[in-house]
Amino acid sequence: MMSAKKAVQFHTINTIRQTLSEILLKGYHADHMIDKYIRANPKWSADERKFFVDTVYEILRNKRFLSFLAESEDLLLLVGAQLMMKGYQLPVRPEFARISKEKINLNSQKNKSEAITYSVPDWLDQLGAKDFGSRWPALVKALIDEPKLYIRANLLKTTRDELMQNLKKEGFAINEKIKSVMPAPQALEVKDKKNVFSSLAYRQGHFEVQDVGSQLIAELMQIKPGMTAIDACAGSGGKTLQLASLMQNQGEILAMDVKSNKLQDLKIRADKAGCKIIKTELIKSDRMIKNLSSKADRVLLDAPCSGLGVLKRNPDSKWKMSLEQVDELMRIQRHILLSYSQMCKVGGLVVYATCSLLKRENENQIKWFFEQKNIQQQWQLLSEHRIWPDENSSDAFYAAVLKRI
């Protein structure tokens, strides 16, 4: 694909453009489209696949900045600008007549807003500056960094140390000294770019890929073997599986979600991980929630949110999200807080969590919750936690620990 002069074939460039078009213009998930086009090009080498994946994600992270450099929203020119910035040589074609390395270099020196520099929409830049003031540039910069690959040891099948040694034997470079302001005792960082999903340890269910920030949420549940827990917004079950691991397969976990395909994925993952205490239930109505009133020792509300704390992993979401969508998600979050929390027993704990940076989805929602009728007589706020991407080299998370009194 590339010569010694770093020339890139037009076929590859156009494939990147097609992938971006399906992600940004048609709204498909980035990882699904990347997988689609990799399967459509089976003759690519490992280096070619890596080049394709890295370039797509780099453009998604830096789309607004690249548009500024190329003076265009045309996706083909954005690909060209990205490759020029990386020192690659473009084929001589009329499609690239509007850009040159000299033009890219000149534009890169121009004054530009932080929203352009760090490639975020204006509405998000304004909200971030309002919420975090002088800290906002550091936060948004951290969210366009390349994400690190974190995994969580499955204590039902192995230990963290045993997992680390086995992965090292398979040739993976592992970092056990993870930078984090909170303990993540099952976390390891895989430092190289080898396909960790091909490892024997993964095939045997000895670990799950899970950001270190995400792992900290389950730790706040203070879960113990023998308890009854409800993961009310379980999705595909990353945190559900972690809870089962922490519970040592003793007790009961009910994993609930409004999407049946997510729960089906969870069942497959649970079987592979050796989790025996997880039951799943599709949420069809609020009556189902009411029927579970005061049933659980622990309730996890990993609420639907804007996902603006995980932009380094899902950079396309910042171009698909809008302020109006955030407002609608806030309405859903409030309903979940008021209704789903009632599944917790008196004396039990509820953890409300999001992977959003915005205060309106986090602290402001907890403040609103305690302003509702009779809530202060029924609930106590034990603690609030922020997992900051500029401190932890992780995604951004928020969590509030509530006790029913």
Protein backbone atom coordinates (compact mmCIF):
# COMPACT_ATOMS: atom_id res chain seq x y z
CA MET A 1 0.00 0.00 0.00
CA MET A 2 2.83 2.42 0.86
CA SER A 3 6.24 2.79 -0.78
CA ALA A 4 9.44 4.03 0.83
CA LYS A 5 8.17 7.56 0.08
CA LYS A 6 5.01 6.84 2.07
CA ALA A 7 2.79 7.03 -1.01
CA VAL A 8 -0.80 5.95 -0.38
CA GLN A 9 -2.96 4.30 -3.03
CA PHE A 10 -6.15 6.10 -4.00
CA HIS A 11 -8.14 2.92 -3.38
CA THR A 12 -7.14 3.01 0.28
CA ILE A 13 -7.88 6.74 0.56
CA ASN A 14 -11.29 6.28 -1.01
CA THR A 15 -12.06 3.34 1.29
CA ILE A 16 -11.30 5.59 4.26
CA ARG A 17 -13.60 8.25 2.79
CA GLN A 18 -16.40 5.70 2.28
CA THR A 19 -16.03 4.50 5.85
CA LEU A 20 -16.20 8.05 7.20
CA SER A 21 -19.25 8.76 5.05
CA GLU A 22 -21.16 5.81 6.52
CA ILE A 23 -20.18 6.85 10.05
CA LEU A 24 -20.77 10.60 9.80
CA LEU A 25 -23.45 10.94 7.15
CA LYS A 26 -25.44 7.73 7.63
CA GLY A 27 -24.96 7.48 11.39
CA TYR A 28 -23.50 3.97 11.64
CA HIS A 29 -21.21 3.04 14.54
CA ALA A 30 -17.53 3.55 13.78
CA ASP A 31 -16.38 0.13 14.97
CA HIS A 32 -19.03 -1.64 12.89
CA MET A 33 -18.07 0.21 9.72
CA ILE A 34 -14.36 -0.30 10.30
CA ASP A 35 -14.96 -4.02 10.70
CA LYS A 36 -17.12 -4.03 7.54
CA TYR A 37 -14.40 -2.52 5.36
CA ILE A 38 -11.63 -4.65 6.84
CA ARG A 39 -13.66 -7.75 5.92
CA ALA A 40 -14.21 -6.27 2.45
CA ASN A 41 -10.40 -6.07 1.94
CA PRO A 42 -9.13 -9.51 2.99
CA LYS A 43 -5.82 -9.06 1.14
CA TRP A 44 -4.70 -6.20 3.39
CA SER A 45 -1.66 -6.95 5.51
CA ALA A 46 -1.64 -6.39 9.27
CA ASP A 47 0.16 -3.06 8.69
CA GLU A 48 -2.42 -2.01 6.12
CA ARG A 49 -5.30 -2.82 8.47
CA LYS A 50 -3.62 -0.86 11.26
CA PHE A 51 -3.06 2.12 8.94
CA PHE A 52 -6.73 2.06 7.92
CA VAL A 53 -8.08 1.83 11.49
CA ASP A 54 -5.71 4.46 12.88
CA THR A 55 -6.44 6.92 10.08
CA VAL A 56 -10.22 6.61 10.40
CA TYR A 57 -10.11 7.21 14.15
CA GLU A 58 -7.60 10.07 13.87
CA ILE A 59 -9.86 11.85 11.38
CA LEU A 60 -12.92 11.33 13.61
CA ARG A 61 -11.03 12.76 16.58
CA ASN A 62 -9.69 15.75 14.67
CA LYS A 63 -12.36 16.36 12.02
CA ARG A 64 -12.98 20.02 12.77
CA PHE A 65 -9.27 20.85 12.91
CA LEU A 66 -8.71 19.03 9.61
CA SER A 67 -11.62 20.94 8.04
CA PHE A 68 -9.88 24.14 9.12
CA LEU A 69 -6.61 23.02 7.55
CA ALA A 70 -8.22 21.87 4.30
CA GLU A 71 -10.69 24.79 4.22
CA SER A 72 -13.35 22.24 3.33
CA GLU A 73 -15.85 19.77 4.80
CA ASP A 74 -15.27 17.37 1.90
CA LEU A 75 -14.36 14.02 3.44
CA LEU A 76 -11.85 13.16 0.73
CA LEU A 77 -9.97 16.39 1.41
CA LEU A 78 -10.05 15.69 5.14
CA VAL A 79 -8.38 12.34 4.48
CA GLY A 80 -5.83 14.13 2.32
CA ALA A 81 -5.14 16.72 5.01
CA GLN A 82 -4.68 14.03 7.66
CA LEU A 83 -2.24 12.06 5.49
CA MET A 84 -0.28 15.18 4.62
CA MET A 85 -0.02 16.05 8.31
CA LYS A 86 1.43 12.57 8.88
CA GLY A 87 3.97 12.94 6.08
CA TYR A 88 2.33 10.65 3.54
CA GLN A 89 2.43 11.32 -0.20
CA LEU A 90 -0.93 11.62 -1.97
CA PRO A 91 -1.47 10.35 -5.53
CA VAL A 92 -1.59 13.07 -8.18
CA ARG A 93 -5.30 13.34 -8.87
CA PRO A 94 -7.73 16.20 -9.60
CA GLU A 95 -9.59 15.43 -6.34
CA PHE A 96 -6.64 16.80 -4.36
CA ALA A 97 -6.01 19.91 -6.46
CA ARG A 98 -7.47 22.16 -3.72
CA ILE A 99 -4.97 21.14 -1.03
CA SER A 100 -1.21 21.05 -0.77
CA LYS A 101 1.36 20.48 1.95
CA GLU A 102 2.27 24.16 1.81
CA LYS A 103 -1.36 25.20 2.30
CA ILE A 104 -1.82 22.72 5.17
CA ASN A 105 1.35 23.97 6.89
CA LEU A 106 0.32 27.60 6.43
CA ASN A 107 -3.16 27.04 7.85
CA SER A 108 -1.78 25.11 10.82
CA GLN A 109 0.02 28.29 11.92
CA LYS A 110 -3.11 30.47 11.84
CA ASN A 111 -4.91 31.55 14.99
CA LYS A 112 -7.84 29.30 15.75
CA SER A 113 -10.32 28.80 18.55
CA GLU A 114 -9.92 26.03 21.10
CA ALA A 115 -13.04 24.41 19.64
CA ILE A 116 -11.21 24.12 16.31
CA THR A 117 -7.86 23.16 17.84
CA TYR A 118 -9.38 20.33 19.89
CA SER A 119 -12.08 19.47 17.37
CA VAL A 120 -15.34 19.82 19.28
CA PRO A 121 -18.67 21.38 18.26
CA ASP A 122 -19.31 24.93 19.48
CA TRP A 123 -22.18 23.88 21.76
CA LEU A 124 -19.96 21.38 23.56
CA ASP A 125 -17.09 23.85 23.85
CA GLN A 126 -19.44 26.42 25.39
CA LEU A 127 -20.88 23.93 27.89
CA GLY A 128 -17.43 22.64 28.81
CA ALA A 129 -16.07 26.14 29.38
CA LYS A 130 -19.11 26.98 31.52
CA ASP A 131 -18.78 23.82 33.64
CA PHE A 132 -15.01 23.66 34.04
CA GLY A 133 -13.58 27.11 33.30
CA SER A 134 -9.81 27.14 32.94
CA ARG A 135 -9.63 23.35 33.24
CA TRP A 136 -11.69 22.74 30.11
CA PRO A 137 -8.79 22.89 27.59
CA ALA A 138 -6.90 20.17 29.48
CA LEU A 139 -10.02 18.01 29.69
CA VAL A 140 -10.96 18.31 26.03
CA LYS A 141 -7.34 17.73 24.99
CA ALA A 142 -7.32 14.50 27.02
CA LEU A 143 -10.46 13.38 25.21
CA ILE A 144 -8.79 13.46 21.79
CA ASP A 145 -5.77 11.47 22.92
CA GLU A 146 -5.42 7.93 21.64
CA PRO A 147 -7.06 5.64 24.21
CA LYS A 148 -5.09 3.12 26.21
CA LEU A 149 -6.10 -0.52 26.20
CA TYR A 150 -7.20 -1.64 29.66
CA ILE A 151 -8.40 -5.08 30.65
CA ARG A 152 -10.00 -6.50 33.79
CA ALA A 153 -8.99 -9.86 35.23
CA ASN A 154 -11.94 -12.21 35.70
CA LEU A 155 -11.55 -13.39 39.29
CA LEU A 156 -13.85 -16.33 38.62
CA LYS A 157 -11.16 -17.93 36.48
CA THR A 158 -7.82 -16.34 37.32
CA THR A 159 -6.01 -13.69 39.33
CA ARG A 160 -4.56 -10.41 38.13
CA ASP A 161 -0.97 -11.62 38.60
CA GLU A 162 -1.62 -14.96 36.90
CA LEU A 163 -3.31 -13.19 33.98
CA MET A 164 -0.39 -10.80 33.63
CA GLN A 165 2.15 -13.64 33.54
CA ASN A 166 0.12 -15.65 31.02
CA LEU A 167 -0.27 -12.67 28.69
CA LYS A 168 3.45 -11.96 28.93
CA LYS A 169 4.12 -15.56 27.95
CA GLU A 170 1.93 -15.01 24.89
CA GLY A 171 4.09 -12.03 23.94
CA PHE A 172 1.99 -9.11 25.17
CA ALA A 173 3.62 -6.10 26.83
CA ILE A 174 1.75 -5.42 30.07
CA ASN A 175 1.82 -2.38 32.36
CA GLU A 176 0.69 -3.21 35.89
CA LYS A 177 1.42 0.25 37.36
CA ILE A 178 -1.70 2.05 36.20
CA LYS A 179 -2.06 5.74 36.92
CA SER A 180 -5.34 6.16 38.78
CA VAL A 181 -6.60 8.25 41.68
CA MET A 182 -8.80 5.34 42.80
CA PRO A 183 -7.96 1.65 43.20
CA ALA A 184 -8.73 -0.65 40.27
CA PRO A 185 -7.38 -3.91 41.68
CA GLN A 186 -8.21 -6.11 38.67
CA ALA A 187 -6.92 -3.71 35.98
CA LEU A 188 -3.98 -4.15 33.63
CA GLU A 189 -2.87 -2.09 30.63
CA VAL A 190 -1.92 -3.86 27.41
CA LYS A 191 0.78 -1.64 25.96
CA ASP A 192 1.33 -3.05 22.47
CA LYS A 193 -1.04 -3.09 19.52
CA LYS A 194 -1.24 -6.84 19.10
CA ASN A 195 -4.74 -8.27 18.87
CA VAL A 196 -5.46 -9.14 22.48
CA PHE A 197 -8.69 -10.86 21.39
CA SER A 198 -6.57 -13.56 19.74
CA SER A 199 -4.95 -14.50 23.03
CA LEU A 200 -5.62 -17.83 24.71
CA ALA A 201 -6.44 -15.94 27.92
CA TYR A 202 -9.25 -14.06 26.19
CA ARG A 203 -10.66 -17.16 24.49
CA GLN A 204 -10.75 -18.88 27.88
CA GLY A 205 -12.67 -15.98 29.45
CA HIS A 206 -9.88 -14.89 31.77
CA PHE A 207 -10.40 -11.17 31.12
CA GLU A 208 -12.66 -8.54 29.62
CA VAL A 209 -11.58 -5.38 27.82
CA GLN A 210 -12.82 -2.58 30.09
CA ASP A 211 -11.54 0.92 30.68
CA VAL A 212 -9.98 1.45 34.09
CA GLY A 213 -12.45 4.25 34.80
CA SER A 214 -15.36 1.94 34.10
CA GLN A 215 -13.89 -0.65 36.48
CA LEU A 216 -13.93 1.88 39.32
CA ILE A 217 -17.74 2.23 39.13
CA ALA A 218 -18.40 -1.36 40.21
CA GLU A 219 -15.93 -0.98 43.10
CA LEU A 220 -18.16 1.80 44.48
CA MET A 221 -21.04 -0.67 44.79
CA GLN A 222 -19.36 -2.21 47.88
CA ILE A 223 -20.77 -5.52 46.70
CA LYS A 224 -20.28 -8.70 48.72
CA PRO A 225 -20.83 -12.40 47.99
CA GLY A 226 -24.39 -13.50 48.70
CA MET A 227 -26.02 -10.16 47.98
CA THR A 228 -28.84 -9.46 45.54
CA ALA A 229 -27.94 -6.87 42.91
CA ILE A 230 -29.75 -5.26 39.99
CA ASP A 231 -27.89 -3.73 37.06
CA ALA A 232 -30.81 -1.76 35.70
CA CYS A 233 -29.15 -0.36 32.55
CA ALA A 234 -26.90 -3.33 31.88
CA GLY A 235 -26.32 -3.03 28.14
CA SER A 236 -23.90 -5.76 27.05
CA GLY A 237 -22.88 -6.25 30.65
CA GLY A 238 -19.32 -5.08 31.21
CA LYS A 239 -20.07 -3.93 34.75
CA THR A 240 -22.52 -6.81 35.31
CA LEU A 241 -19.74 -9.32 34.70
CA GLN A 242 -17.46 -7.40 37.04
CA LEU A 243 -20.08 -7.52 39.79
CA ALA A 244 -20.41 -11.29 39.37
CA SER A 245 -16.65 -11.59 39.63
CA LEU A 246 -16.57 -9.51 42.81
CA MET A 247 -19.44 -11.57 44.25
CA GLN A 248 -17.49 -14.79 43.59
CA ASN A 249 -20.56 -16.28 41.90
CA GLN A 250 -22.48 -16.16 45.18
CA GLY A 251 -25.81 -14.35 45.33
CA GLU A 252 -27.96 -13.10 42.48
CA ILE A 253 -27.67 -10.43 39.80
CA LEU A 254 -30.58 -9.30 37.67
CA ALA A 255 -29.37 -7.58 34.51
CA MET A 256 -32.03 -5.42 32.86
CA ASP A 257 -32.12 -3.33 29.72
CA VAL A 258 -34.54 -1.98 27.12
CA LYS A 259 -32.59 -3.61 24.24
CA SER A 260 -32.92 -7.36 23.82
CA ASN A 261 -29.84 -7.66 21.58
CA LYS A 262 -27.67 -6.18 24.32
CA LEU A 263 -28.97 -8.72 26.83
CA GLN A 264 -28.31 -11.54 24.35
CA ASP A 265 -24.70 -10.37 24.08
CA LEU A 266 -24.52 -10.35 27.87
CA LYS A 267 -25.70 -13.97 28.09
CA ILE A 268 -22.93 -15.06 25.70
CA ARG A 269 -20.29 -13.10 27.59
CA ALA A 270 -21.51 -14.39 30.96
CA ASP A 271 -21.31 -18.00 29.79
CA LYS A 272 -17.77 -17.49 28.54
CA ALA A 273 -16.74 -15.77 31.80
CA GLY A 274 -18.21 -18.55 33.93
CA CYS A 275 -20.78 -16.26 35.59
CA LYS A 276 -23.53 -18.44 37.08
CA ILE A 277 -25.56 -15.88 39.05
CA ILE A 278 -26.71 -13.52 36.29
CA LYS A 279 -30.32 -13.51 35.09
CA THR A 280 -31.51 -11.15 32.36
CA GLU A 281 -34.84 -9.40 31.89
CA LEU A 282 -35.99 -7.11 29.11
CA ILE A 283 -37.62 -3.93 30.43
CA LYS A 284 -41.01 -3.65 28.72
CA SER A 285 -42.82 -1.31 31.08
CA ASP A 286 -42.49 0.70 34.29
CA ARG A 287 -44.75 -1.86 35.98
CA MET A 288 -41.86 -4.35 35.82
CA ILE A 289 -39.75 -1.88 37.79
CA LYS A 290 -42.51 -1.35 40.38
CA ASN A 291 -42.83 -5.11 40.86
CA LEU A 292 -39.19 -5.19 41.93
CA SER A 293 -39.63 -2.53 44.61
CA SER A 294 -37.27 -3.02 47.61
CA LYS A 295 -35.84 -6.28 46.20
CA ALA A 296 -32.11 -5.56 45.89
CA ASP A 297 -29.22 -4.88 48.26
CA ARG A 298 -27.44 -2.99 45.50
CA VAL A 299 -28.74 -1.21 42.40
CA LEU A 300 -26.51 0.08 39.62
CA LEU A 301 -27.98 2.84 37.46
CA ASP A 302 -25.41 3.18 34.68
CA ALA A 303 -27.71 5.64 32.99
CA PRO A 304 -28.03 6.36 29.26
CA CYS A 305 -25.99 9.50 28.64
CA SER A 306 -24.32 11.61 25.99
CA GLY A 307 -21.12 9.54 26.15
CA LEU A 308 -19.09 12.75 26.12
CA GLY A 309 -16.61 11.24 28.57
CA VAL A 310 -15.56 8.46 26.22
CA LEU A 311 -14.82 10.51 23.11
CA LYS A 312 -11.33 9.10 22.76
CA ARG A 313 -12.94 5.67 22.15
CA ASN A 314 -16.07 6.87 20.34
CA PRO A 315 -14.95 10.09 18.65
CA ASP A 316 -17.79 9.98 16.13
CA SER A 317 -20.36 10.57 18.88
CA LYS A 318 -19.41 14.24 19.29
CA TRP A 319 -20.42 14.88 15.67
CA LYS A 320 -23.74 13.01 16.11
CA MET A 321 -24.80 14.41 19.49
CA SER A 322 -26.66 17.70 19.93
CA LEU A 323 -27.73 19.84 22.86
CA GLU A 324 -31.34 18.84 22.20
CA GLN A 325 -30.38 15.17 22.48
CA VAL A 326 -28.58 15.86 25.76
CA ASP A 327 -31.74 17.49 27.09
CA GLU A 328 -33.79 14.40 26.14
CA LEU A 329 -31.23 12.12 27.83
CA MET A 330 -31.50 14.25 30.97
CA ARG A 331 -35.25 13.59 31.04
CA ILE A 332 -34.61 9.84 30.81
CA GLN A 333 -31.94 10.03 33.54
CA ARG A 334 -34.36 11.75 35.92
CA HIS A 335 -37.01 9.13 35.31
CA ILE A 336 -34.48 6.36 35.98
CA LEU A 337 -33.26 8.03 39.18
CA LEU A 338 -36.77 8.44 40.60
CA SER A 339 -38.25 5.15 39.45
CA TYR A 340 -35.46 2.57 39.28
CA SER A 341 -33.92 3.57 42.60
CA GLN A 342 -37.04 2.18 44.32
CA MET A 343 -35.79 -1.35 43.57
CA CYS A 344 -33.26 -0.87 46.38
CA LYS A 345 -33.99 -2.16 49.88
CA VAL A 346 -33.89 0.14 52.89
CA GLY A 347 -30.27 0.14 54.02
CA GLY A 348 -29.06 -0.72 50.54
CA LEU A 349 -27.01 1.30 48.07
CA VAL A 350 -27.71 2.77 44.65
CA VAL A 351 -24.87 3.92 42.40
CA TYR A 352 -25.89 6.41 39.70
CA ALA A 353 -23.21 6.64 37.03
CA THR A 354 -22.58 8.12 33.58
CA CYS A 355 -19.73 8.31 31.12
CA SER A 356 -20.43 12.00 30.52
CA LEU A 357 -18.34 15.00 31.53
CA LEU A 358 -21.24 17.41 31.70
CA LYS A 359 -22.47 18.58 35.10
CA ARG A 360 -26.04 18.68 33.81
CA GLU A 361 -25.98 14.88 33.47
CA ASN A 362 -24.16 14.33 36.74
CA GLU A 363 -24.00 16.58 39.83
CA ASN A 364 -26.97 18.62 38.65
CA GLN A 365 -29.09 15.48 38.32
CA ILE A 366 -28.31 14.39 41.87
CA LYS A 367 -29.11 17.91 43.09
CA TRP A 368 -32.44 17.73 41.23
CA PHE A 369 -33.16 14.29 42.72
CA PHE A 370 -32.80 15.56 46.27
CA GLU A 371 -35.08 18.51 45.51
CA GLN A 372 -38.00 16.16 44.77
CA LYS A 373 -40.76 15.50 47.29
CA ASN A 374 -39.82 13.26 50.25
CA ILE A 375 -36.46 12.27 48.73
CA GLN A 376 -34.39 13.75 51.56
CA GLN A 377 -36.38 11.66 54.03
CA GLN A 378 -35.74 8.49 52.02
CA TRP A 379 -32.21 8.88 50.72
CA GLN A 380 -28.76 9.95 51.82
CA LEU A 381 -25.95 11.02 49.47
CA LEU A 382 -22.87 9.17 50.71
CA SER A 383 -20.34 10.35 48.12
CA GLU A 384 -19.77 11.69 44.63
CA HIS A 385 -16.85 10.73 42.44
CA ARG A 386 -15.25 12.10 39.30
CA ILE A 387 -12.82 10.08 37.19
CA TRP A 388 -10.97 12.72 35.21
CA PRO A 389 -9.38 11.90 31.82
CA ASP A 390 -6.57 14.43 32.35
CA GLU A 391 -5.59 12.77 35.65
CA ASN A 392 -6.14 9.08 35.03
CA SER A 393 -5.27 8.45 31.37
CA SER A 394 -8.72 6.88 31.25
CA ASP A 395 -12.16 7.77 30.04
CA ALA A 396 -14.23 10.24 32.08
CA PHE A 397 -16.87 8.95 34.49
CA TYR A 398 -19.10 10.29 37.23
CA ALA A 399 -20.71 8.32 40.05
CA ALA A 400 -22.90 9.14 43.05
CA VAL A 401 -23.39 6.64 45.88
CA LEU A 402 -26.85 6.86 47.49
CA LYS A 403 -28.13 5.03 50.56
CA ARG A 404 -31.80 4.30 51.13
CA ILE A 405 -32.62 5.21 54.74
